[in-house]
PDB file of N, CA and C in Angstrom:
ATOM      1  N   MET A   1       2.171  97.859 134.400  1.00  0.00           N
ATOM      2  CA  MET A   1       2.563  98.523 135.073  1.00  0.00           C
ATOM      3  C   MET A   1       1.857  97.171 136.590  1.00  0.00           C
ATOM      4  N   PRO A   2       2.370  96.914 136.466  1.00  0.00           N
ATOM      5  CA  PRO A   2       2.312  95.750 137.620  1.00  0.00           C
ATOM      6  C   PRO A   2       2.425  96.112 138.708  1.00  0.00           C
ATOM      7  N   ASP A   3       3.524  97.371 139.204  1.00  0.00           N
ATOM      8  CA  ASP A   3       3.248  97.720 140.477  1.00  0.00           C
ATOM      9  C   ASP A   3       3.143  98.689 140.833  1.00  0.00           C
ATOM     10  N   GLY A   4       2.111  98.620 140.023  1.00  0.00           N
ATOM     11  CA  GLY A   4       0.812  99.821 140.500  1.00  0.00           C
ATOM     12  C   GLY A   4       0.596 100.897 139.741  1.00  0.00           C
ATOM     13  N   TYR A   5       0.252 101.917 139.936  1.00  0.00           N
ATOM     14  CA  TYR A   5      -0.487 103.068 139.129  1.00  0.00           C
ATOM     15  C   TYR A   5       1.157 103.985 138.829  1.00  0.00           C
ATOM     16  N   PRO A   6       1.477 104.325 137.894  1.00  0.00           N
ATOM     17  CA  PRO A   6       2.760 104.392 137.796  1.00  0.00           C
ATOM     18  C   PRO A   6       2.739 106.275 138.113  1.00  0.00           C
ATOM     19  N   ALA A   7       3.607 106.564 138.902  1.00  0.00           N
ATOM     20  CA  ALA A   7       3.623 107.928 139.791  1.00  0.00           C
ATOM     21  C   ALA A   7       4.402 108.599 138.353  1.00  0.00           C
ATOM     22  N   ILE A   8       4.322 109.826 138.228  1.00  0.00           N
ATOM     23  CA  ILE A   8       4.694 110.473 137.794  1.00  0.00           C
ATOM     24  C   ILE A   8       6.002 111.167 137.686  1.00  0.00           C
ATOM     25  N   GLU A   9       6.356 111.064 139.162  1.00  0.00           N
ATOM     26  CA  GLU A   9       7.919 111.076 139.434  1.00  0.00           C
ATOM     27  C   GLU A   9       8.570 110.117 139.022  1.00  0.00           C
ATOM     28  N   ARG A  10       8.015 108.935 138.933  1.00  0.00           N
ATOM     29  CA  ARG A  10       8.934 107.627 138.543  1.00  0.00           C
ATOM     30  C   ARG A  10       8.857 108.274 137.175  1.00  0.00           C
ATOM     31  N   VAL A  11       7.778 108.413 136.547  1.00  0.00           N
ATOM     32  CA  VAL A  11       7.629 108.768 134.452  1.00  0.00           C
ATOM     33  C   VAL A  11       9.092 109.469 134.505  1.00  0.00           C
ATOM     34  N   ALA A  12       8.632 110.789 135.100  1.00  0.00           N
ATOM     35  CA  ALA A  12       9.984 111.738 134.955  1.00  0.00           C
ATOM     36  C   ALA A  12      11.090 111.059 135.415  1.00  0.00           C
ATOM     37  N   GLU A  13      12.025 110.669 136.047  1.00  0.00           N
ATOM     38  CA  GLU A  13      12.959 109.790 136.473  1.00  0.00           C
ATOM     39  C   GLU A  13      13.214 109.231 135.204  1.00  0.00           C
ATOM     40  N   HIS A  14      12.156 108.492 134.838  1.00  0.00           N
ATOM     41  CA  HIS A  14      12.695 107.154 133.934  1.00  0.00           C
ATOM     42  C   HIS A  14      12.909 107.792 132.206  1.00  0.00           C
ATOM     43  N   ILE A  15      12.642 109.241 132.450  1.00  0.00           N
ATOM     44  CA  ILE A  15      13.188 109.614 131.015  1.00  0.00           C
ATOM     45  C   ILE A  15      13.793 110.411 131.476  1.00  0.00           C
ATOM     46  N   GLY A  16      14.549 111.157 132.098  1.00  0.00           N
ATOM     47  CA  GLY A  16      15.635 111.696 132.573  1.00  0.00           C
ATOM     48  C   GLY A  16      14.758 113.152 132.459  1.00  0.00           C
ATOM     49  N   SER A  17      13.440 113.495 133.050  1.00  0.00           N
ATOM     50  CA  SER A  17      12.910 114.890 133.668  1.00  0.00           C
ATOM     51  C   SER A  17      12.654 114.811 134.689  1.00  0.00           C
ATOM     52  N   SER A  18      12.864 116.865 134.827  1.00  0.00           N
ATOM     53  CA  SER A  18      11.704 117.052 136.304  1.00  0.00           C
ATOM     54  C   SER A  18       9.983 116.722 135.915  1.00  0.00           C
ATOM     55  N   VAL A  19       9.854 116.753 137.176  1.00  0.00           N
ATOM     56  CA  VAL A  19       8.112 116.361 137.217  1.00  0.00           C
ATOM     57  C   VAL A  19       7.634 117.611 136.542  1.00  0.00           C
ATOM     58  N   ARG A  20       8.284 118.685 136.736  1.00  0.00           N
ATOM     59  CA  ARG A  20       7.440 120.632 136.391  1.00  0.00           C
ATOM     60  C   ARG A  20       7.491 120.035 134.738  1.00  0.00           C
ATOM     61  N   THR A  21       9.021 119.475 134.395  1.00  0.00           N
ATOM     62  CA  THR A  21       9.190 119.903 133.013  1.00  0.00           C
ATOM     63  C   THR A  21       8.143 118.715 132.131  1.00  0.00           C
ATOM     64  N   LEU A  22       7.997 117.453 132.498  1.00  0.00           N
ATOM     65  CA  LEU A  22       7.142 116.788 132.390  1.00  0.00           C
ATOM     66  C   LEU A  22       5.667 117.537 132.436  1.00  0.00           C
ATOM     67  N   GLN A  23       5.166 118.116 133.086  1.00  0.00           N
ATOM     68  CA  GLN A  23       3.819 118.210 133.602  1.00  0.00           C
ATOM     69  C   GLN A  23       3.552 119.834 132.639  1.00  0.00           C
ATOM     70  N   ARG A  24       4.622 120.517 132.333  1.00  0.00           N
ATOM     71  CA  ARG A  24       4.540 121.189 131.112  1.00  0.00           C
ATOM     72  C   ARG A  24       4.214 120.795 129.825  1.00  0.00           C
ATOM     73  N   ARG A  25       5.238 119.888 129.202  1.00  0.00           N
ATOM     74  CA  ARG A  25       5.186 119.256 128.192  1.00  0.00           C
ATOM     75  C   ARG A  25       4.200 118.767 127.981  1.00  0.00           C
ATOM     76  N   LEU A  26       3.456 117.918 128.560  1.00  0.00           N
ATOM     77  CA  LEU A  26       2.638 117.531 128.359  1.00  0.00           C
ATOM     78  C   LEU A  26       1.383 118.552 128.372  1.00  0.00           C
ATOM     79  N   SER A  27       1.039 119.325 129.553  1.00  0.00           N
ATOM     80  CA  SER A  27       0.007 120.185 129.043  1.00  0.00           C
ATOM     81  C   SER A  27       0.622 120.929 127.573  1.00  0.00           C
ATOM     82  N   GLU A  28       1.483 121.398 127.047  1.00  0.00           N
ATOM     83  CA  GLU A  28       1.357 121.722 125.661  1.00  0.00           C
ATOM     84  C   GLU A  28       0.772 120.788 125.036  1.00  0.00           C
ATOM     85  N   ALA A  29       0.848 119.809 125.131  1.00  0.00           N
ATOM     86  CA  ALA A  29       0.224 118.651 124.448  1.00  0.00           C
ATOM     87  C   ALA A  29      -1.084 118.616 124.561  1.00  0.00           C
ATOM     88  N   GLY A  30      -1.805 118.882 125.529  1.00  0.00           N
ATOM     89  CA  GLY A  30      -2.955 119.226 125.487  1.00  0.00           C
ATOM     90  C   GLY A  30      -3.720 117.804 126.202  1.00  0.00           C
ATOM     91  N   VAL A  31      -2.835 117.193 127.217  1.00  0.00           N
ATOM     92  CA  VAL A  31      -2.873 115.653 127.684  1.00  0.00           C
ATOM     93  C   VAL A  31      -2.366 115.887 129.429  1.00  0.00           C
ATOM     94  N   THR A  32      -2.719 115.334 129.979  1.00  0.00           N
ATOM     95  CA  THR A  32      -2.245 115.001 131.258  1.00  0.00           C
ATOM     96  C   THR A  32      -2.062 113.653 131.885  1.00  0.00           C
ATOM     97  N   HIS A  33      -1.046 113.370 132.747  1.00  0.00           N
ATOM     98  CA  HIS A  33      -0.339 112.360 133.150  1.00  0.00           C
ATOM     99  C   HIS A  33      -1.465 110.905 133.452  1.00  0.00           C
ATOM    100  N   THR A  34      -2.289 111.206 133.817  1.00  0.00           N
ATOM    101  CA  THR A  34      -3.830 110.560 134.389  1.00  0.00           C
ATOM    102  C   THR A  34      -4.624 110.161 133.268  1.00  0.00           C
ATOM    103  N   ALA A  35      -4.286 111.193 132.483  1.00  0.00           N
ATOM    104  CA  ALA A  35      -5.177 110.629 130.884  1.00  0.00           C
ATOM    105  C   ALA A  35      -4.421 109.957 129.802  1.00  0.00           C
ATOM    106  N   LEU A  36      -2.781 110.234 129.985  1.00  0.00           N
ATOM    107  CA  LEU A  36      -2.105 109.416 129.411  1.00  0.00           C
ATOM    108  C   LEU A  36      -2.115 107.704 129.868  1.00  0.00           C
ATOM    109  N   VAL A  37      -2.355 107.776 131.628  1.00  0.00           N
ATOM    110  CA  VAL A  37      -2.010 106.212 132.176  1.00  0.00           C
ATOM    111  C   VAL A  37      -3.680 105.622 131.888  1.00  0.00           C
ATOM    112  N   GLU A  38      -4.458 106.434 131.921  1.00  0.00           N
ATOM    113  CA  GLU A  38      -5.986 105.543 131.875  1.00  0.00           C
ATOM    114  C   GLU A  38      -6.131 105.173 130.590  1.00  0.00           C
ATOM    115  N   HIS A  39      -5.755 105.873 129.611  1.00  0.00           N
ATOM    116  CA  HIS A  39      -5.671 105.394 128.232  1.00  0.00           C
ATOM    117  C   HIS A  39      -5.092 104.101 128.173  1.00  0.00           C
ATOM    118  N   ALA A  40      -3.422 104.182 128.545  1.00  0.00           N
ATOM    119  CA  ALA A  40      -3.130 102.973 127.988  1.00  0.00           C
ATOM    120  C   ALA A  40      -3.293 101.619 129.004  1.00  0.00           C
ATOM    121  N   ARG A  41      -3.791 101.884 130.048  1.00  0.00           N
ATOM    122  CA  ARG A  41      -4.482 100.735 130.875  1.00  0.00           C
ATOM    123  C   ARG A  41      -5.698 100.258 130.027  1.00  0.00           C
ATOM    124  N   ARG A  42      -6.474 101.499 129.533  1.00  0.00           N
ATOM    125  CA  ARG A  42      -7.521 100.758 128.668  1.00  0.00           C
ATOM    126  C   ARG A  42      -7.446  99.967 127.249  1.00  0.00           C
ATOM    127  N   ASP A  43      -6.298 100.277 126.465  1.00  0.00           N
ATOM    128  CA  ASP A  43      -5.432  99.949 125.612  1.00  0.00           C
ATOM    129  C   ASP A  43      -5.139  98.618 125.847  1.00  0.00           C
ATOM    130  N   MET A  44      -4.232  98.072 127.184  1.00  0.00           N
ATOM    131  CA  MET A  44      -3.605  96.964 127.562  1.00  0.00           C
ATOM    132  C   MET A  44      -4.816  95.695 128.158  1.00  0.00           C
ATOM    133  N   ALA A  45      -5.690  96.835 128.500  1.00  0.00           N
ATOM    134  CA  ALA A  45      -6.943  95.965 129.276  1.00  0.00           C
ATOM    135  C   ALA A  45      -7.869  95.044 127.887  1.00  0.00           C
ATOM    136  N   LEU A  46      -8.357  96.041 126.978  1.00  0.00           N
ATOM    137  CA  LEU A  46      -9.054  95.773 126.012  1.00  0.00           C
ATOM    138  C   LEU A  46      -7.930  94.619 124.571  1.00  0.00           C
ATOM    139  N   ARG A  47      -6.595  94.705 124.801  1.00  0.00           N
ATOM    140  CA  ARG A  47      -5.853  93.656 124.130  1.00  0.00           C
ATOM    141  C   ARG A  47      -5.569  92.240 125.093  1.00  0.00           C
ATOM    142  N   LYS A  48      -5.422  92.737 126.020  1.00  0.00           N
ATOM    143  CA  LYS A  48      -5.244  91.328 127.301  1.00  0.00           C
ATOM    144  C   LYS A  48      -6.684  90.489 126.858  1.00  0.00           C
ATOM    145  N   LEU A  49      -7.602  91.379 127.777  1.00  0.00           N
ATOM    146  CA  LEU A  49      -9.141  90.431 127.652  1.00  0.00           C
ATOM    147  C   LEU A  49      -9.366  89.903 126.196  1.00  0.00           C
ATOM    148  N   LYS A  50      -8.718  90.381 124.763  1.00  0.00           N
ATOM    149  CA  LYS A  50      -9.325  90.011 123.480  1.00  0.00           C
ATOM    150  C   LYS A  50      -8.177  88.816 123.084  1.00  0.00           C
ATOM    151  N   THR A  51      -6.832  88.310 123.706  1.00  0.00           N
ATOM    152  CA  THR A  51      -6.093  88.337 122.815  1.00  0.00           C
ATOM    153  C   THR A  51      -5.426  87.166 123.937  1.00  0.00           C
ATOM    154  N   THR A  52      -6.083  86.895 125.780  1.00  0.00           N
ATOM    155  CA  THR A  52      -5.246  86.091 126.170  1.00  0.00           C
ATOM    156  C   THR A  52      -6.734  85.386 126.881  1.00  0.00           C
ATOM    157  N   ARG A  53      -6.652  84.385 127.520  1.00  0.00           N
ATOM    158  CA  ARG A  53      -7.605  83.180 128.422  1.00  0.00           C
ATOM    159  C   ARG A  53      -7.135  83.555 129.798  1.00  0.00           C
ATOM    160  N   LEU A  54      -6.413  84.512 130.285  1.00  0.00           N
ATOM    161  CA  LEU A  54      -6.001  85.007 131.725  1.00  0.00           C
ATOM    162  C   LEU A  54      -7.508  85.551 132.516  1.00  0.00           C
ATOM    163  N   PRO A  55      -7.671  85.280 133.716  1.00  0.00           N
ATOM    164  CA  PRO A  55      -8.450  85.210 134.630  1.00  0.00           C
ATOM    165  C   PRO A  55      -9.082  86.927 134.499  1.00  0.00           C
ATOM    166  N   ILE A  56      -9.890  87.578 134.554  1.00  0.00           N
ATOM    167  CA  ILE A  56      -9.871  88.924 134.562  1.00  0.00           C
ATOM    168  C   ILE A  56      -9.137  89.237 136.280  1.00  0.00           C
ATOM    169  N   GLY A  57      -8.949  88.511 137.399  1.00  0.00           N
ATOM    170  CA  GLY A  57      -7.965  88.692 138.524  1.00  0.00           C
ATOM    171  C   GLY A  57      -6.550  89.117 138.039  1.00  0.00           C
ATOM    172  N   GLN A  58      -5.932  88.219 137.207  1.00  0.00           N
ATOM    173  CA  GLN A  58      -4.476  88.115 136.548  1.00  0.00           C
ATOM    174  C   GLN A  58      -4.551  89.451 135.443  1.00  0.00           C
ATOM    175  N   VAL A  59      -5.861  89.861 134.602  1.00  0.00           N
ATOM    176  CA  VAL A  59      -5.629  91.106 133.931  1.00  0.00           C
ATOM    177  C   VAL A  59      -5.343  92.176 134.728  1.00  0.00           C
ATOM    178  N   ALA A  60      -6.861  92.263 135.838  1.00  0.00           N
ATOM    179  CA  ALA A  60      -6.698  93.375 136.764  1.00  0.00           C
ATOM    180  C   ALA A  60      -4.784  93.919 137.850  1.00  0.00           C
ATOM    181  N   LYS A  61      -4.398  92.791 137.998  1.00  0.00           N
ATOM    182  CA  LYS A  61      -3.174  92.723 138.770  1.00  0.00           C
ATOM    183  C   LYS A  61      -1.662  93.310 137.683  1.00  0.00           C
ATOM    184  N   GLU A  62      -2.288  92.563 136.492  1.00  0.00           N
ATOM    185  CA  GLU A  62      -0.764  93.192 135.727  1.00  0.00           C
ATOM    186  C   GLU A  62      -0.819  94.330 134.896  1.00  0.00           C
ATOM    187  N   LEU A  63      -2.019  94.995 135.337  1.00  0.00           N
ATOM    188  CA  LEU A  63      -2.458  96.634 134.755  1.00  0.00           C
ATOM    189  C   LEU A  63      -1.881  97.517 136.099  1.00  0.00           C
ATOM    190  N   GLY A  64      -1.899  96.701 137.083  1.00  0.00           N
ATOM    191  CA  GLY A  64      -1.460  97.526 138.423  1.00  0.00           C
ATOM    192  C   GLY A  64      -2.517  98.105 139.378  1.00  0.00           C
ATOM    193  N   PHE A  65      -3.713  97.531 138.963  1.00  0.00           N
ATOM    194  CA  PHE A  65      -5.160  97.694 139.821  1.00  0.00           C
ATOM    195  C   PHE A  65      -5.141  96.790 141.199  1.00  0.00           C
ATOM    196  N   ARG A  66      -5.270  97.401 142.210  1.00  0.00           N
ATOM    197  CA  ARG A  66      -5.365  96.530 143.443  1.00  0.00           C
ATOM    198  C   ARG A  66      -5.850  95.733 144.052  1.00  0.00           C
ATOM    199  N   ASP A  67      -7.366  95.381 142.742  1.00  0.00           N
ATOM    200  CA  ASP A  67      -8.013  94.114 143.234  1.00  0.00           C
ATOM    201  C   ASP A  67      -9.123  94.388 141.842  1.00  0.00           C
ATOM    202  N   PRO A  68      -9.768  92.786 141.759  1.00  0.00           N
ATOM    203  CA  PRO A  68     -10.485  92.989 140.511  1.00  0.00           C
ATOM    204  C   PRO A  68     -11.520  93.944 140.672  1.00  0.00           C
ATOM    205  N   SER A  69     -12.230  93.964 141.731  1.00  0.00           N
ATOM    206  CA  SER A  69     -13.242  95.352 141.258  1.00  0.00           C
ATOM    207  C   SER A  69     -12.706  96.575 140.924  1.00  0.00           C
ATOM    208  N   SER A  70     -11.856  96.933 141.426  1.00  0.00           N
ATOM    209  CA  SER A  70     -11.198  98.343 140.766  1.00  0.00           C
ATOM    210  C   SER A  70     -11.529  98.590 139.304  1.00  0.00           C
ATOM    211  N   PHE A  71     -10.815  96.906 138.826  1.00  0.00           N
ATOM    212  CA  PHE A  71     -10.300  96.818 137.585  1.00  0.00           C
ATOM    213  C   PHE A  71     -11.829  96.739 136.999  1.00  0.00           C
ATOM    214  N   SER A  72     -12.524  96.115 137.033  1.00  0.00           N
ATOM    215  CA  SER A  72     -14.202  96.017 136.501  1.00  0.00           C
ATOM    216  C   SER A  72     -15.050  97.510 136.644  1.00  0.00           C
ATOM    217  N   ARG A  73     -14.464  97.899 137.795  1.00  0.00           N
ATOM    218  CA  ARG A  73     -15.807  99.768 137.781  1.00  0.00           C
ATOM    219  C   ARG A  73     -14.576 100.870 136.663  1.00  0.00           C
ATOM    220  N   ALA A  74     -13.562 100.441 136.604  1.00  0.00           N
ATOM    221  CA  ALA A  74     -12.505 101.202 135.599  1.00  0.00           C
ATOM    222  C   ALA A  74     -12.960 100.882 134.015  1.00  0.00           C
ATOM    223  N   PHE A  75     -12.729  98.985 133.735  1.00  0.00           N
ATOM    224  CA  PHE A  75     -13.727  99.163 132.476  1.00  0.00           C
ATOM    225  C   PHE A  75     -14.603  99.247 132.376  1.00  0.00           C
ATOM    226  N   GLN A  76     -15.905  99.622 133.045  1.00  0.00           N
ATOM    227  CA  GLN A  76     -17.437  99.803 132.709  1.00  0.00           C
ATOM    228  C   GLN A  76     -17.016 101.075 132.300  1.00  0.00           C
ATOM    229  N   ARG A  77     -16.217 102.094 133.311  1.00  0.00           N
ATOM    230  CA  ARG A  77     -16.514 103.117 132.788  1.00  0.00           C
ATOM    231  C   ARG A  77     -15.564 103.461 131.545  1.00  0.00           C
ATOM    232  N   TRP A  78     -14.775 103.215 130.878  1.00  0.00           N
ATOM    233  CA  TRP A  78     -13.990 103.134 129.834  1.00  0.00           C
ATOM    234  C   TRP A  78     -14.716 102.464 128.726  1.00  0.00           C
ATOM    235  N   THR A  79     -15.884 101.556 128.713  1.00  0.00           N
ATOM    236  CA  THR A  79     -16.670 100.776 127.560  1.00  0.00           C
ATOM    237  C   THR A  79     -18.009 100.708 127.837  1.00  0.00           C
ATOM    238  N   GLY A  80     -18.247 100.737 129.001  1.00  0.00           N
ATOM    239  CA  GLY A  80     -19.682 100.874 129.235  1.00  0.00           C
ATOM    240  C   GLY A  80     -19.563  99.160 129.394  1.00  0.00           C
ATOM    241  N   MET A  81     -19.086  98.421 129.482  1.00  0.00           N
ATOM    242  CA  MET A  81     -19.565  96.701 130.023  1.00  0.00           C
ATOM    243  C   MET A  81     -18.123  96.458 131.020  1.00  0.00           C
ATOM    244  N   SER A  82     -18.950  95.457 131.657  1.00  0.00           N
ATOM    245  CA  SER A  82     -18.249  94.639 132.228  1.00  0.00           C
ATOM    246  C   SER A  82     -17.461  93.928 131.880  1.00  0.00           C
ATOM    247  N   PRO A  83     -15.904  93.597 132.037  1.00  0.00           N
ATOM    248  CA  PRO A  83     -14.494  92.837 131.518  1.00  0.00           C
ATOM    249  C   PRO A  83     -15.377  91.585 130.815  1.00  0.00           C
ATOM    250  N   ARG A  84     -16.243  90.603 132.054  1.00  0.00           N
ATOM    251  CA  ARG A  84     -16.400  89.462 131.636  1.00  0.00           C
ATOM    252  C   ARG A  84     -17.751  89.690 130.187  1.00  0.00           C
ATOM    253  N   THR A  85     -18.305  90.403 130.216  1.00  0.00           N
ATOM    254  CA  THR A  85     -19.406  91.242 129.103  1.00  0.00           C
ATOM    255  C   THR A  85     -18.637  91.376 127.811  1.00  0.00           C
ATOM    256  N   TYR A  86     -17.619  91.804 127.878  1.00  0.00           N
ATOM    257  CA  TYR A  86     -16.787  92.265 126.664  1.00  0.00           C
ATOM    258  C   TYR A  86     -16.319  91.020 126.432  1.00  0.00           C
ATOM    259  N   ARG A  87     -15.848  89.689 126.913  1.00  0.00           N
ATOM    260  CA  ARG A  87     -14.902  88.553 126.574  1.00  0.00           C
ATOM    261  C   ARG A  87     -16.065  87.960 126.009  1.00  0.00           C
ATOM    262  N   ARG A  88     -17.273  87.930 126.650  1.00  0.00           N
ATOM    263  CA  ARG A  88     -18.383  87.018 126.032  1.00  0.00           C
ATOM    264  C   ARG A  88     -18.855  87.620 124.669  1.00  0.00           C
ATOM    265  N   MET A  89     -19.043  89.067 124.883  1.00  0.00           N
ATOM    266  CA  MET A  89     -19.281  89.400 123.407  1.00  0.00           C
ATOM    267  C   MET A  89     -18.151  88.922 122.311  1.00  0.00           C
ATOM    268  N   LEU A  90     -17.211  89.565 122.438  1.00  0.00           N
ATOM    269  CA  LEU A  90     -15.936  88.908 121.618  1.00  0.00           C
ATOM    270  C   LEU A  90     -16.205  87.287 120.716  1.00  0.00           C
ATOM    271  N   ARG A  91     -16.325  86.611 122.240  1.00  0.00           N
ATOM    272  CA  ARG A  91     -16.705  84.740 121.319  1.00  0.00           C
ATOM    273  C   ARG A  91     -17.820  85.476 121.053  1.00  0.00           C
ATOM    274  N   GLN A  92     -18.612  85.847 120.984  1.00  0.00           N
ATOM    275  CA  GLN A  92     -19.877  85.390 120.272  1.00  0.00           C
ATOM    276  C   GLN A  92     -19.769  86.315 118.930  1.00  0.00           C
ATOM    277  N   THR A  93     -19.544  87.278 118.954  1.00  0.00           N
ATOM    278  CA  THR A  93     -18.467  87.749 117.466  1.00  0.00           C
ATOM    279  C   THR A  93     -17.546  86.326 116.696  1.00  0.00           C
ATOM    280  N   ALA A  94     -17.099  86.142 117.611  1.00  0.00           N
ATOM    281  CA  ALA A  94     -16.201  84.500 116.586  1.00  0.00           C
ATOM    282  C   ALA A  94     -16.753  83.647 116.423  1.00  0.00           C
ATOM    283  N   LEU A  95     -17.823  83.387 117.184  1.00  0.00           N
ATOM    284  CA  LEU A  95     -18.889  81.869 116.470  1.00  0.00           C
ATOM    285  C   LEU A  95     -19.450  82.576 115.551  1.00  0.00           C
ATOM    286  N   GLY A  96     -19.842  83.893 115.403  1.00  0.00           N
ATOM    287  CA  GLY A  96     -20.463  83.953 114.511  1.00  0.00           C
ATOM    288  C   GLY A  96     -20.325  84.410 112.980  1.00  0.00           C
ATOM    289  N   ALA A  97     -18.565  85.041 112.809  1.00  0.00           N
ATOM    290  CA  ALA A  97     -18.022  84.937 112.407  1.00  0.00           C
ATOM    291  C   ALA A  97     -17.850  83.552 111.380  1.00  0.00           C
ATOM    292  N   GLU A  98     -17.231  82.738 112.323  1.00  0.00           N
ATOM    293  CA  GLU A  98     -17.126  81.097 111.618  1.00  0.00           C
ATOM    294  C   GLU A  98     -18.123  80.457 111.186  1.00  0.00           C
ATOM    295  N   GLN A  99     -19.380  80.851 111.798  1.00  0.00           N
ATOM    296  CA  GLN A  99     -20.504  80.428 111.234  1.00  0.00           C
ATOM    297  C   GLN A  99     -20.897  80.895 109.798  1.00  0.00           C
ATOM    298  N   LYS A 100     -20.647  82.548 109.265  1.00  0.00           N
ATOM    299  CA  LYS A 100     -20.579  82.887 108.296  1.00  0.00           C
ATOM    300  C   LYS A 100     -19.733  81.904 107.657  1.00  0.00           C
ATOM    301  N   GLN A 101     -18.837  82.044 107.960  1.00  0.00           N
ATOM    302  CA  GLN A 101     -17.776  81.977 106.852  1.00  0.00           C
ATOM    303  C   GLN A 101     -17.586  79.889 106.455  1.00  0.00           C
ATOM    304  N   LEU A 102     -18.706  79.393 107.329  1.00  0.00           N
ATOM    305  CA  LEU A 102     -19.121  78.018 107.176  1.00  0.00           C
ATOM    306  C   LEU A 102     -20.333  77.271 106.231  1.00  0.00           C
ATOM    307  N   ASN A 103     -21.602  78.692 106.450  1.00  0.00           N
ATOM    308  CA  ASN A 103     -22.536  78.980 105.589  1.00  0.00           C
ATOM    309  C   ASN A 103     -21.919  79.297 104.342  1.00  0.00           C
ATOM    310  N   ASN A 104     -20.982  80.415 104.260  1.00  0.00           N
ATOM    311  CA  ASN A 104     -20.332  80.573 102.890  1.00  0.00           C
ATOM    312  C   ASN A 104     -19.497  79.741 102.077  1.00  0.00           C
ATOM    313  N   ARG A 105     -19.320  78.850 102.906  1.00  0.00           N
ATOM    314  CA  ARG A 105     -18.741  77.799 101.674  1.00  0.00           C
ATOM    315  C   ARG A 105     -19.276  76.933 101.279  1.00  0.00           C
ATOM    316  N   SER A 106     -20.553  76.306 102.506  1.00  0.00           N
ATOM    317  CA  SER A 106     -21.267  75.562 102.063  1.00  0.00           C
ATOM    318  C   SER A 106     -22.155  76.386 100.842  1.00  0.00           C
ATOM    319  N   ALA A 107     -22.411  77.009 100.440  1.00  0.00           N
ATOM    320  CA  ALA A 107     -22.947  77.863  99.680  1.00  0.00           C
ATOM    321  C   ALA A 107     -22.204  78.030  98.019  1.00  0.00           C
ATOM    322  N   ASP A 108     -21.481  78.421  98.281  1.00  0.00           N
ATOM    323  CA  ASP A 108     -19.944  78.231  97.163  1.00  0.00           C
ATOM    324  C   ASP A 108     -20.132  76.313  96.757  1.00  0.00           C
ATOM    325  N   ARG A 109     -20.329  76.061  97.506  1.00  0.00           N
ATOM    326  CA  ARG A 109     -19.984  74.229  97.002  1.00  0.00           C
ATOM    327  C   ARG A 109     -21.657  73.651  96.256  1.00  0.00           C
ATOM    328  N   SER A 110     -22.136  74.561  96.593  1.00  0.00           N
ATOM    329  CA  SER A 110     -23.689  74.027  95.876  1.00  0.00           C
ATOM    330  C   SER A 110     -23.674  74.254  94.257  1.00  0.00           C
TER     331      SER A 110
END
């Protein structure tokens, strides 16, 4: 999505459909183009923030957001927290899991 928000016209062209047919099929499935894009962006954001060390601004750019602030507002809407807070939580969870494993190993050796 680095080219920005994927317009429904581009999506329809990509799959060889008319815009109207695509809209009708999405409607029949009970979903909208906007909802699908938001869902995809959210999933990609969560994955990129979890599995890479890319700066938040770079993640925003790769997901097609105009600027990091727009991305941060969307992420806050999706998750209830900022991208920075999410990464901090992941680090703390990982550190807690590592500490637990170390404690278990020590207890097993006793």
